[in-house]
């Protein structure tokens, strides 16, 4: 009987300890530290949920580059094998989003085959993304250090990396 009581006690302790948050758990109620990197807010350097999330935010490429952005690499390259699947995910969701946009542009141009005009950012957002509308294109969410941008010159949706956001995040840790 003593062994049974001891086993129950150990089980209760294990269950209780298992319910406590781990010290490394991300506590969303904790506010991010103030930014020390010029041009980057602490909110921009805070990771955001990406899996299963979508966005309709697309920047103007020229403005994104002026804010310190650089065009993201097309391939999923990493020296850390533990991060390889995350890099592949980022690359594939960006590619899928660009494919959806390309298809919508092709449909738009086919409807106005006599006069398919190039899209500026405003027209792109209104006719292709259809921001705020349920029938618009909802792009997969990218990590906090990446954003979508419209390349008006090449008429393509591109992904822009913001290295300063990564730098600020490293300082916050």
Foldseek 3Di string as FASTA:
>chain_A
DVVVVVVVVVVVVVVVVVPDDDPPDDDVVDDFDAFPQPLDGSVLLDKDDFVPDWDLDAAAVVVCVVSQWDFDDLDQDDPDPVCSVVSVVQNVLQVVLQVLQVVQLVVVCVVVVVDSDQDDPVRSSVRAQVPPDPPGRIGGDHISQKHWYQDRVVRTITIIGRVSSVVRNVVRD
